[in-house]
Amino acid sequence: MSGGRRGAARWRPGLLLLTLLACPPAWSAEPPRTPETIPGSTRVDAEELIGLVERLPRLVIIDSRIRGDRKQGYIEGSLSLPDTETDCASLARLLPDPAQPVLFYCNGVKCGRSGHAVTIAITCGYRNVYWFRGGFQEWRAKGYPYLQE
C-alpha cells in the first residue's frame, strides 16, 4: 500500500456510495420498505388473513413485534414471538408440525420483523408460511377489531 500507515485500509469512494445506496442514512426522507415477496411464503392482505382464519382452523398467527408494541394493539388470537426470539426451537414449541399453517405479522411495510421471522420459519422447514406484510398498520387502518393489553 502506498501513502499511509502499513496495514491501514485504503479509502474507496465507490464503497461509500454503495453503502449509502444499500443502507439509507437515518435522515433519509423515505424509511426502508420490506420486500414485496419472500420466496417460500404466501403474502396476504387483511381480507385474505380473515379468509385464512375461516378456511384453516389450525392457522397459528404470530405477532413478530417486540412485546412493547402489543400495547398499541394486536390481532385477536395472535401469539407474541418477537423475531429476535424466533429460531427453530421456539417455532417447534409453538408449531411441532412443519406442515401446520403459520402467519407472521408486525407493524407494517416498513417493519422488517415479520419478514425476518418468515425467513427463519422457511429455513427451519415450515411449508405453509403466510406473511401479512401490511401488518398491524393495515389491520387498524381498515377498521378491523383488535385487542389491547
Protein backbone atom coordinates (compact mmCIF):
# COMPACT_ATOMS: atom_id res chain seq x y z
CA MET A 1 0.00 0.00 0.00
CA SER A 2 1.25 3.44 -0.75
CA GLY A 3 0.78 6.60 1.28
CA GLY A 4 -0.41 5.81 4.78
CA ARG A 5 0.32 3.54 7.64
CA ARG A 6 1.15 -0.03 6.94
CA GLY A 7 -1.99 -2.19 7.21
CA ALA A 8 -4.37 0.76 7.07
CA ALA A 9 -7.33 0.30 4.73
CA ARG A 10 -7.46 2.50 1.63
CA TRP A 11 -10.45 4.79 1.28
CA ARG A 12 -12.63 3.82 -1.65
CA PRO A 13 -15.21 6.39 -2.78
CA GLY A 14 -17.21 3.71 -4.63
CA LEU A 15 -17.59 1.73 -1.41
CA LEU A 16 -19.07 4.76 0.36
CA LEU A 17 -21.60 5.24 -2.46
CA LEU A 18 -22.61 1.57 -2.36
CA THR A 19 -23.01 1.74 1.42
CA LEU A 20 -25.25 4.81 1.17
CA LEU A 21 -27.40 3.20 -1.52
CA ALA A 22 -27.76 -0.09 0.37
CA CYS A 23 -28.33 1.47 3.80
CA PRO A 24 -30.06 4.85 3.57
CA PRO A 25 -28.96 7.19 6.35
CA ALA A 26 -31.27 7.91 9.27
CA TRP A 27 -32.03 11.33 7.79
CA SER A 28 -33.29 9.79 4.54
CA ALA A 29 -36.76 11.03 3.58
CA GLU A 30 -38.16 7.56 2.95
CA PRO A 31 -37.69 4.78 5.53
CA PRO A 32 -36.73 1.41 4.07
CA ARG A 33 -39.57 -0.85 2.95
CA THR A 34 -39.79 -4.62 3.22
CA PRO A 35 -39.52 -6.71 0.05
CA GLU A 36 -42.68 -7.29 -1.97
CA THR A 37 -42.41 -11.06 -1.56
CA ILE A 38 -40.38 -13.65 0.32
CA PRO A 39 -39.70 -16.87 -1.61
CA GLY A 40 -41.31 -19.85 0.10
CA SER A 41 -44.10 -17.81 1.67
CA THR A 42 -47.50 -16.53 0.55
CA ARG A 43 -48.11 -12.83 1.04
CA VAL A 44 -51.62 -11.92 2.19
CA ASP A 45 -53.54 -8.75 2.97
CA ALA A 46 -56.03 -8.20 5.81
CA GLU A 47 -59.00 -9.66 3.92
CA GLU A 48 -57.03 -12.73 2.91
CA LEU A 49 -55.96 -13.18 6.54
CA ILE A 50 -59.64 -13.26 7.56
CA GLY A 51 -60.27 -15.85 4.83
CA LEU A 52 -57.38 -17.97 6.08
CA VAL A 53 -58.75 -17.93 9.62
CA GLU A 54 -62.10 -19.16 8.28
CA ARG A 55 -60.56 -21.82 5.99
CA LEU A 56 -57.67 -23.03 8.14
CA PRO A 57 -58.77 -23.70 11.72
CA ARG A 58 -55.23 -24.79 12.67
CA LEU A 59 -53.68 -21.50 11.49
CA VAL A 60 -51.29 -20.04 14.05
CA ILE A 61 -50.89 -16.25 13.88
CA ILE A 62 -47.60 -14.93 15.21
CA ASP A 63 -47.00 -11.31 16.14
CA SER A 64 -43.29 -10.78 15.42
CA ARG A 65 -43.10 -7.35 17.06
CA ILE A 66 -41.36 -6.65 20.32
CA ARG A 67 -43.71 -7.21 23.24
CA GLY A 68 -43.99 -3.48 23.99
CA ASP A 69 -45.60 -2.92 20.56
CA ARG A 70 -48.56 -5.09 21.59
CA LYS A 71 -49.64 -2.26 23.91
CA GLN A 72 -50.83 -0.34 20.84
CA GLY A 73 -52.93 -3.36 19.89
CA TYR A 74 -52.73 -6.82 18.38
CA ILE A 75 -54.80 -9.19 16.28
CA GLU A 76 -57.01 -11.39 18.43
CA GLY A 77 -55.66 -14.91 18.78
CA SER A 78 -52.13 -13.97 17.79
CA LEU A 79 -49.19 -15.25 19.80
CA SER A 80 -46.31 -12.97 20.69
CA LEU A 81 -42.97 -14.26 19.42
CA PRO A 82 -40.61 -11.39 18.59
CA ASP A 83 -38.34 -12.01 15.64
CA THR A 84 -35.36 -11.61 17.97
CA GLU A 85 -36.56 -14.74 19.82
CA THR A 86 -37.59 -16.68 16.71
CA ASP A 87 -35.50 -19.71 15.90
CA CYS A 88 -36.16 -23.34 15.03
CA ALA A 89 -36.53 -24.34 18.70
CA SER A 90 -39.01 -21.58 19.60
CA LEU A 91 -41.05 -22.32 16.49
CA ALA A 92 -41.06 -26.06 17.24
CA ARG A 93 -42.53 -25.35 20.69
CA LEU A 94 -45.44 -23.47 19.10
CA LEU A 95 -45.67 -25.48 15.88
CA PRO A 96 -44.43 -29.06 16.26
CA ASP A 97 -45.79 -29.96 12.79
CA PRO A 98 -43.85 -28.19 9.99
CA ALA A 99 -46.92 -28.59 7.74
CA GLN A 100 -49.12 -26.57 10.11
CA PRO A 101 -50.12 -23.23 8.58
CA VAL A 102 -48.50 -20.22 10.22
CA LEU A 103 -48.87 -16.50 9.55
CA PHE A 104 -46.48 -13.77 10.66
CA TYR A 105 -47.13 -10.04 11.00
CA CYS A 106 -45.54 -6.96 12.53
CA ASN A 107 -46.20 -3.21 12.30
CA GLY A 108 -46.42 -2.82 8.52
CA VAL A 109 -44.49 -2.49 5.28
CA LYS A 110 -41.67 -0.54 6.95
CA CYS A 111 -41.27 -3.16 9.70
CA GLY A 112 -38.86 -5.97 8.88
CA ARG A 113 -39.57 -8.15 11.92
CA SER A 114 -42.21 -10.40 10.36
CA GLY A 115 -40.22 -10.80 7.15
CA HIS A 116 -37.23 -11.84 9.23
CA ALA A 117 -39.36 -14.38 11.13
CA VAL A 118 -40.85 -15.71 7.86
CA THR A 119 -37.36 -16.32 6.52
CA ILE A 120 -36.38 -18.16 9.70
CA ALA A 121 -39.53 -20.33 9.57
CA ILE A 122 -38.85 -21.30 5.95
CA THR A 123 -35.23 -22.10 6.81
CA CYS A 124 -36.49 -24.30 9.67
CA GLY A 125 -38.59 -26.33 7.22
CA TYR A 126 -42.07 -24.85 7.67
CA ARG A 127 -44.03 -25.31 4.45
CA ASN A 128 -47.31 -23.39 4.87
CA VAL A 129 -45.97 -19.95 5.71
CA TYR A 130 -48.05 -16.82 5.22
CA TRP A 131 -46.82 -13.25 5.51
CA PHE A 132 -49.16 -10.39 6.35
CA ARG A 133 -46.83 -7.70 5.01
CA GLY A 134 -49.22 -4.80 5.75
CA GLY A 135 -49.29 -5.93 9.36
CA PHE A 136 -50.98 -4.20 12.24
CA GLN A 137 -50.88 -0.84 10.44
CA GLU A 138 -53.06 -2.17 7.60
CA TRP A 139 -55.31 -4.08 10.02
CA ARG A 140 -56.05 -0.98 12.09
CA ALA A 141 -56.35 1.33 9.05
CA LYS A 142 -59.08 -0.92 7.61
CA GLY A 143 -61.01 -0.75 10.87
CA TYR A 144 -60.74 -4.40 11.82
CA PRO A 145 -61.11 -5.19 15.52
CA TYR A 146 -58.08 -5.69 17.70
CA LEU A 147 -57.28 -6.17 21.34
CA GLN A 148 -55.11 -4.06 23.62
CA GLU A 149 -53.22 -5.10 26.71
